């Protein structure tokens, strides 16, 4: 990624995060976290990957709320960025953290099962 895109990515992240925390008064967006922003090659579109703390219902309500507030956020971004064309914001749910947590739990379960099998005296290969 070139320097201009990096600066734009960082600026978008900061502006959107601040707007979510201070300007939007939607309780569904209280626990919203921006994970990544992916700009199109021409900088006309910005995919904003977000996640929410909570269950699947909280995720769906949060992403719907963000998509509904996208025009407001677009105006906030346009007023704070000093560029000719402001990227159009598209919000996408990012489940990678939840998937990573599930994977870690699965690995821990497997390790615990293997530990239980190796400590079981009946499963040892000791001849009697």
Foldseek 3Di string as FASTA:
>chain_A
DDPVVVVVFVLLQVQLVCCLPPPDPDPLSPFKDWDGWDADPVRQAIETEIEGPDDPVSRVVSQVVCVVCQVVSQVSSVVPDDDDHHHRYDYDYDCPVVVVVVVVVVVVVVVVVVVVLVPDPVNDPDDD
